Amino acid sequence: MLSDIAWVVEHLGRNGYRIAERDFAHGKLFTVNSRRFHVCCHNPGNSQIKRCYVDEFVEAMIELGLYED
């Protein structure tokens, strides 16, 4: 869910990471430190997002050293 990813990013911000969040017509652009990733949600009201966006989020967390594959 987009809200779950947003929650993780906000939590990282409260723990010293530089974060930014920018809304777009069909999604959000998140920045954690210098790592950016986009989450697209074309169906407003639908809580599910495509796997490719979840994979991009996980890849960003791995690069930041916050998740081990």
PDB file of N, CA and C in Angstrom:
ATOM      1  N   MET A   1       0.829  -1.185   0.000  1.00  0.00           N
ATOM      2  CA  MET A   1       0.000   0.000   0.000  1.00  0.00           C
ATOM      3  C   MET A   1       0.877   1.253   0.000  1.00  0.00           C
ATOM      4  N   LEU A   2       0.396   2.245  -0.677  1.00  0.00           N
ATOM      5  CA  LEU A   2       1.109   3.519  -0.706  1.00  0.00           C
ATOM      6  C   LEU A   2       1.238   4.095   0.703  1.00  0.00           C
ATOM      7  N   SER A   3       0.195   3.960   1.501  1.00  0.00           N
ATOM      8  CA  SER A   3       0.237   4.503   2.868  1.00  0.00           C
ATOM      9  C   SER A   3       1.301   3.810   3.720  1.00  0.00           C
ATOM     10  N   ASP A   4       1.555   2.529   3.465  1.00  0.00           N
ATOM     11  CA  ASP A   4       2.595   1.816   4.209  1.00  0.00           C
ATOM     12  C   ASP A   4       3.987   2.342   3.855  1.00  0.00           C
ATOM     13  N   ILE A   5       4.210   2.575   2.577  1.00  0.00           N
ATOM     14  CA  ILE A   5       5.498   3.112   2.140  1.00  0.00           C
ATOM     15  C   ILE A   5       5.682   4.521   2.696  1.00  0.00           C
ATOM     16  N   ALA A   6       4.631   5.330   2.650  1.00  0.00           N
ATOM     17  CA  ALA A   6       4.703   6.686   3.206  1.00  0.00           C
ATOM     18  C   ALA A   6       5.009   6.641   4.698  1.00  0.00           C
ATOM     19  N   TRP A   7       4.424   5.682   5.412  1.00  0.00           N
ATOM     20  CA  TRP A   7       4.670   5.540   6.852  1.00  0.00           C
ATOM     21  C   TRP A   7       6.149   5.225   7.105  1.00  0.00           C
ATOM     22  N   VAL A   8       6.727   4.319   6.322  1.00  0.00           N
ATOM     23  CA  VAL A   8       8.144   3.967   6.492  1.00  0.00           C
ATOM     24  C   VAL A   8       9.014   5.198   6.247  1.00  0.00           C
ATOM     25  N   VAL A   9       8.727   5.937   5.181  1.00  0.00           N
ATOM     26  CA  VAL A   9       9.525   7.127   4.858  1.00  0.00           C
ATOM     27  C   VAL A   9       9.411   8.161   5.978  1.00  0.00           C
ATOM     28  N   GLU A  10       8.208   8.387   6.479  1.00  0.00           N
ATOM     29  CA  GLU A  10       8.036   9.339   7.584  1.00  0.00           C
ATOM     30  C   GLU A  10       8.790   8.884   8.829  1.00  0.00           C
ATOM     31  N   HIS A  11       8.766   7.605   9.101  1.00  0.00           N
ATOM     32  CA  HIS A  11       9.486   7.051  10.252  1.00  0.00           C
ATOM     33  C   HIS A  11      10.997   7.260  10.098  1.00  0.00           C
ATOM     34  N   LEU A  12      11.502   7.065   8.882  1.00  0.00           N
ATOM     35  CA  LEU A  12      12.928   7.305   8.629  1.00  0.00           C
ATOM     36  C   LEU A  12      13.269   8.772   8.877  1.00  0.00           C
ATOM     37  N   GLY A  13      12.376   9.670   8.493  1.00  0.00           N
ATOM     38  CA  GLY A  13      12.587  11.095   8.723  1.00  0.00           C
ATOM     39  C   GLY A  13      12.687  11.426  10.202  1.00  0.00           C
ATOM     40  N   ARG A  14      11.872  10.760  11.022  1.00  0.00           N
ATOM     41  CA  ARG A  14      11.922  10.979  12.468  1.00  0.00           C
ATOM     42  C   ARG A  14      13.177  10.380  13.097  1.00  0.00           C
ATOM     43  N   ASN A  15      13.890   9.564  12.332  1.00  0.00           N
ATOM     44  CA  ASN A  15      15.094   8.929  12.848  1.00  0.00           C
ATOM     45  C   ASN A  15      16.363   9.434  12.172  1.00  0.00           C
ATOM     46  N   GLY A  16      16.317  10.654  11.667  1.00  0.00           N
ATOM     47  CA  GLY A  16      17.535  11.309  11.199  1.00  0.00           C
ATOM     48  C   GLY A  16      17.816  11.270   9.716  1.00  0.00           C
ATOM     49  N   TYR A  17      17.019  10.572   8.932  1.00  0.00           N
ATOM     50  CA  TYR A  17      17.227  10.551   7.488  1.00  0.00           C
ATOM     51  C   TYR A  17      16.601  11.810   6.883  1.00  0.00           C
ATOM     52  N   ARG A  18      17.224  12.321   5.827  1.00  0.00           N
ATOM     53  CA  ARG A  18      16.641  13.444   5.095  1.00  0.00           C
ATOM     54  C   ARG A  18      15.588  12.880   4.156  1.00  0.00           C
ATOM     55  N   ILE A  19      14.375  13.362   4.282  1.00  0.00           N
ATOM     56  CA  ILE A  19      13.302  12.843   3.444  1.00  0.00           C
ATOM     57  C   ILE A  19      12.574  13.979   2.747  1.00  0.00           C
ATOM     58  N   ALA A  20      11.944  13.633   1.653  1.00  0.00           N
ATOM     59  CA  ALA A  20      11.058  14.549   0.946  1.00  0.00           C
ATOM     60  C   ALA A  20       9.986  13.711   0.278  1.00  0.00           C
ATOM     61  N   GLU A  21       8.837  14.311   0.109  1.00  0.00           N
ATOM     62  CA  GLU A  21       7.707  13.621  -0.509  1.00  0.00           C
ATOM     63  C   GLU A  21       7.009  14.627  -1.403  1.00  0.00           C
ATOM     64  N   ARG A  22       6.778  14.243  -2.637  1.00  0.00           N
ATOM     65  CA  ARG A  22       6.142  15.159  -3.576  1.00  0.00           C
ATOM     66  C   ARG A  22       4.986  14.448  -4.265  1.00  0.00           C
ATOM     67  N   ASP A  23       3.826  15.070  -4.229  1.00  0.00           N
ATOM     68  CA  ASP A  23       2.636  14.502  -4.860  1.00  0.00           C
ATOM     69  C   ASP A  23       2.606  14.819  -6.344  1.00  0.00           C
ATOM     70  N   PHE A  24       2.166  13.836  -7.119  1.00  0.00           N
ATOM     71  CA  PHE A  24       1.924  13.999  -8.534  1.00  0.00           C
ATOM     72  C   PHE A  24       0.505  13.541  -8.819  1.00  0.00           C
ATOM     73  N   ALA A  25       0.039  13.756 -10.024  1.00  0.00           N
ATOM     74  CA  ALA A  25      -1.333  13.398 -10.377  1.00  0.00           C
ATOM     75  C   ALA A  25      -1.619  11.914 -10.132  1.00  0.00           C
ATOM     76  N   HIS A  26      -0.657  11.060 -10.421  1.00  0.00           N
ATOM     77  CA  HIS A  26      -0.894   9.622 -10.304  1.00  0.00           C
ATOM     78  C   HIS A  26       0.080   8.932  -9.364  1.00  0.00           C
ATOM     79  N   GLY A  27       0.588   9.646  -8.372  1.00  0.00           N
ATOM     80  CA  GLY A  27       1.489   8.993  -7.445  1.00  0.00           C
ATOM     81  C   GLY A  27       2.289   9.960  -6.609  1.00  0.00           C
ATOM     82  N   LYS A  28       3.365   9.434  -6.044  1.00  0.00           N
ATOM     83  CA  LYS A  28       4.239  10.232  -5.186  1.00  0.00           C
ATOM     84  C   LYS A  28       5.687   9.922  -5.511  1.00  0.00           C
ATOM     85  N   LEU A  29       6.509  10.942  -5.362  1.00  0.00           N
ATOM     86  CA  LEU A  29       7.947  10.790  -5.479  1.00  0.00           C
ATOM     87  C   LEU A  29       8.514  10.936  -4.078  1.00  0.00           C
ATOM     88  N   PHE A  30       9.229   9.925  -3.633  1.00  0.00           N
ATOM     89  CA  PHE A  30       9.842   9.934  -2.310  1.00  0.00           C
ATOM     90  C   PHE A  30      11.347  10.087  -2.463  1.00  0.00           C
ATOM     91  N   THR A  31      11.960  10.797  -1.528  1.00  0.00           N
ATOM     92  CA  THR A  31      13.409  10.899  -1.462  1.00  0.00           C
ATOM     93  C   THR A  31      13.830  10.584  -0.036  1.00  0.00           C
ATOM     94  N   VAL A  32      14.769   9.653   0.091  1.00  0.00           N
ATOM     95  CA  VAL A  32      15.369   9.328   1.385  1.00  0.00           C
ATOM     96  C   VAL A  32      16.864   9.505   1.194  1.00  0.00           C
ATOM     97  N   ASN A  33      17.437  10.454   1.955  1.00  0.00           N
ATOM     98  CA  ASN A  33      18.808  10.919   1.715  1.00  0.00           C
ATOM     99  C   ASN A  33      18.897  11.334   0.259  1.00  0.00           C
ATOM    100  N   SER A  34      19.701  10.697  -0.562  1.00  0.00           N
ATOM    101  CA  SER A  34      19.775  11.094  -1.971  1.00  0.00           C
ATOM    102  C   SER A  34      19.092  10.084  -2.884  1.00  0.00           C
ATOM    103  N   ARG A  35      18.476   9.064  -2.315  1.00  0.00           N
ATOM    104  CA  ARG A  35      17.837   7.999  -3.115  1.00  0.00           C
ATOM    105  C   ARG A  35      16.373   8.355  -3.368  1.00  0.00           C
ATOM    106  N   ARG A  36      15.998   8.412  -4.643  1.00  0.00           N
ATOM    107  CA  ARG A  36      14.622   8.731  -5.026  1.00  0.00           C
ATOM    108  C   ARG A  36      13.928   7.488  -5.566  1.00  0.00           C
ATOM    109  N   PHE A  37      12.643   7.405  -5.306  1.00  0.00           N
ATOM    110  CA  PHE A  37      11.829   6.358  -5.912  1.00  0.00           C
ATOM    111  C   PHE A  37      10.397   6.853  -6.035  1.00  0.00           C
ATOM    112  N   HIS A  38       9.727   6.350  -7.039  1.00  0.00           N
ATOM    113  CA  HIS A  38       8.389   6.798  -7.384  1.00  0.00           C
ATOM    114  C   HIS A  38       7.408   5.661  -7.144  1.00  0.00           C
ATOM    115  N   VAL A  39       6.238   6.002  -6.639  1.00  0.00           N
ATOM    116  CA  VAL A  39       5.167   5.032  -6.480  1.00  0.00           C
ATOM    117  C   VAL A  39       3.958   5.581  -7.217  1.00  0.00           C
ATOM    118  N   CYS A  40       3.511   4.859  -8.211  1.00  0.00           N
ATOM    119  CA  CYS A  40       2.389   5.284  -9.032  1.00  0.00           C
ATOM    120  C   CYS A  40       1.122   4.554  -8.584  1.00  0.00           C
ATOM    121  N   CYS A  41       0.035   5.289  -8.505  1.00  0.00           N
ATOM    122  CA  CYS A  41      -1.257   4.675  -8.165  1.00  0.00           C
ATOM    123  C   CYS A  41      -2.314   5.268  -9.092  1.00  0.00           C
ATOM    124  N   HIS A  42      -2.531   4.611 -10.213  1.00  0.00           N
ATOM    125  CA  HIS A  42      -3.439   5.106 -11.245  1.00  0.00           C
ATOM    126  C   HIS A  42      -4.906   4.980 -10.866  1.00  0.00           C
ATOM    127  N   ASN A  43      -5.221   4.109  -9.920  1.00  0.00           N
ATOM    128  CA  ASN A  43      -6.614   3.882  -9.556  1.00  0.00           C
ATOM    129  C   ASN A  43      -6.908   4.501  -8.200  1.00  0.00           C
ATOM    130  N   PRO A  44      -7.358   5.753  -8.171  1.00  0.00           N
ATOM    131  CA  PRO A  44      -7.654   6.401  -6.889  1.00  0.00           C
ATOM    132  C   PRO A  44      -8.653   5.570  -6.074  1.00  0.00           C
ATOM    133  N   GLY A  45      -8.391   5.454  -4.805  1.00  0.00           N
ATOM    134  CA  GLY A  45      -9.253   4.671  -3.936  1.00  0.00           C
ATOM    135  C   GLY A  45      -8.836   3.220  -3.813  1.00  0.00           C
ATOM    136  N   ASN A  46      -8.008   2.748  -4.738  1.00  0.00           N
ATOM    137  CA  ASN A  46      -7.512   1.379  -4.671  1.00  0.00           C
ATOM    138  C   ASN A  46      -6.246   1.383  -3.829  1.00  0.00           C
ATOM    139  N   SER A  47      -6.199   0.549  -2.812  1.00  0.00           N
ATOM    140  CA  SER A  47      -5.062   0.570  -1.897  1.00  0.00           C
ATOM    141  C   SER A  47      -3.862  -0.220  -2.424  1.00  0.00           C
ATOM    142  N   GLN A  48      -4.048  -0.986  -3.478  1.00  0.00           N
ATOM    143  CA  GLN A  48      -2.959  -1.797  -3.995  1.00  0.00           C
ATOM    144  C   GLN A  48      -2.118  -1.021  -4.996  1.00  0.00           C
ATOM    145  N   ILE A  49      -0.817  -1.337  -5.004  1.00  0.00           N
ATOM    146  CA  ILE A  49       0.091  -0.758  -5.994  1.00  0.00           C
ATOM    147  C   ILE A  49       0.774  -1.899  -6.723  1.00  0.00           C
ATOM    148  N   LYS A  50       1.304  -1.618  -7.885  1.00  0.00           N
ATOM    149  CA  LYS A  50       1.942  -2.659  -8.686  1.00  0.00           C
ATOM    150  C   LYS A  50       3.256  -3.111  -8.054  1.00  0.00           C
ATOM    151  N   ARG A  51       3.583  -4.351  -8.323  1.00  0.00           N
ATOM    152  CA  ARG A  51       4.783  -4.967  -7.758  1.00  0.00           C
ATOM    153  C   ARG A  51       6.059  -4.206  -8.126  1.00  0.00           C
ATOM    154  N   CYS A  52       6.125  -3.634  -9.321  1.00  0.00           N
ATOM    155  CA  CYS A  52       7.337  -2.936  -9.746  1.00  0.00           C
ATOM    156  C   CYS A  52       7.658  -1.769  -8.812  1.00  0.00           C
ATOM    157  N   TYR A  53       6.630  -1.119  -8.261  1.00  0.00           N
ATOM    158  CA  TYR A  53       6.863   0.002  -7.345  1.00  0.00           C
ATOM    159  C   TYR A  53       7.297  -0.494  -5.968  1.00  0.00           C
ATOM    160  N   VAL A  54       6.761  -1.622  -5.561  1.00  0.00           N
ATOM    161  CA  VAL A  54       7.206  -2.226  -4.305  1.00  0.00           C
ATOM    162  C   VAL A  54       8.662  -2.663  -4.445  1.00  0.00           C
ATOM    163  N   ASP A  55       8.999  -3.267  -5.588  1.00  0.00           N
ATOM    164  CA  ASP A  55      10.383  -3.683  -5.837  1.00  0.00           C
ATOM    165  C   ASP A  55      11.332  -2.490  -5.818  1.00  0.00           C
ATOM    166  N   GLU A  56      10.907  -1.360  -6.393  1.00  0.00           N
ATOM    167  CA  GLU A  56      11.749  -0.162  -6.397  1.00  0.00           C
ATOM    168  C   GLU A  56      11.963   0.359  -4.976  1.00  0.00           C
ATOM    169  N   PHE A  57      10.907   0.313  -4.162  1.00  0.00           N
ATOM    170  CA  PHE A  57      11.012   0.713  -2.757  1.00  0.00           C
ATOM    171  C   PHE A  57      11.987  -0.191  -2.012  1.00  0.00           C
ATOM    172  N   VAL A  58      11.865  -1.501  -2.190  1.00  0.00           N
ATOM    173  CA  VAL A  58      12.760  -2.446  -1.521  1.00  0.00           C
ATOM    174  C   VAL A  58      14.194  -2.234  -1.986  1.00  0.00           C
ATOM    175  N   GLU A  59      14.385  -2.009  -3.278  1.00  0.00           N
ATOM    176  CA  GLU A  59      15.723  -1.746  -3.811  1.00  0.00           C
ATOM    177  C   GLU A  59      16.335  -0.502  -3.161  1.00  0.00           C
ATOM    178  N   ALA A  60      15.533   0.527  -2.973  1.00  0.00           N
ATOM    179  CA  ALA A  60      16.017   1.752  -2.319  1.00  0.00           C
ATOM    180  C   ALA A  60      16.415   1.458  -0.877  1.00  0.00           C
ATOM    181  N   MET A  61      15.632   0.660  -0.169  1.00  0.00           N
ATOM    182  CA  MET A  61      15.940   0.327   1.226  1.00  0.00           C
ATOM    183  C   MET A  61      17.221  -0.511   1.315  1.00  0.00           C
ATOM    184  N   ILE A  62      17.429  -1.396   0.350  1.00  0.00           N
ATOM    185  CA  ILE A  62      18.667  -2.195   0.306  1.00  0.00           C
ATOM    186  C   ILE A  62      19.862  -1.279   0.088  1.00  0.00           C
ATOM    187  N   GLU A  63      19.758  -0.341  -0.880  1.00  0.00           N
ATOM    188  CA  GLU A  63      20.853   0.588  -1.160  1.00  0.00           C
ATOM    189  C   GLU A  63      21.181   1.467   0.039  1.00  0.00           C
ATOM    190  N   LEU A  64      20.179   1.786   0.847  1.00  0.00           N
ATOM    191  CA  LEU A  64      20.393   2.605   2.032  1.00  0.00           C
ATOM    192  C   LEU A  64      20.885   1.781   3.218  1.00  0.00           C
ATOM    193  N   GLY A  65      20.979   0.473   3.026  1.00  0.00           N
ATOM    194  CA  GLY A  65      21.445  -0.411   4.106  1.00  0.00           C
ATOM    195  C   GLY A  65      20.402  -0.678   5.157  1.00  0.00           C
ATOM    196  N   LEU A  66      19.144  -0.527   4.806  1.00  0.00           N
ATOM    197  CA  LEU A  66      18.052  -0.698   5.768  1.00  0.00           C
ATOM    198  C   LEU A  66      17.334  -2.025   5.622  1.00  0.00           C
ATOM    199  N   TYR A  67      17.689  -2.780   4.610  1.00  0.00           N
ATOM    200  CA  TYR A  67      17.018  -4.060   4.345  1.00  0.00           C
ATOM    201  C   TYR A  67      18.020  -4.976   3.682  1.00  0.00           C
ATOM    202  N   GLU A  68      18.003  -6.224   4.070  1.00  0.00           N
ATOM    203  CA  GLU A  68      18.897  -7.211   3.434  1.00  0.00           C
ATOM    204  C   GLU A  68      18.066  -8.146   2.588  1.00  0.00           C
ATOM    205  N   ASP A  69      18.518  -8.354   1.369  1.00  0.00           N
ATOM    206  CA  ASP A  69      17.819  -9.215   0.428  1.00  0.00           C
ATOM    207  C   ASP A  69      18.057 -10.665   0.759  1.00  0.00           C
TER     208      ASP A  69
END
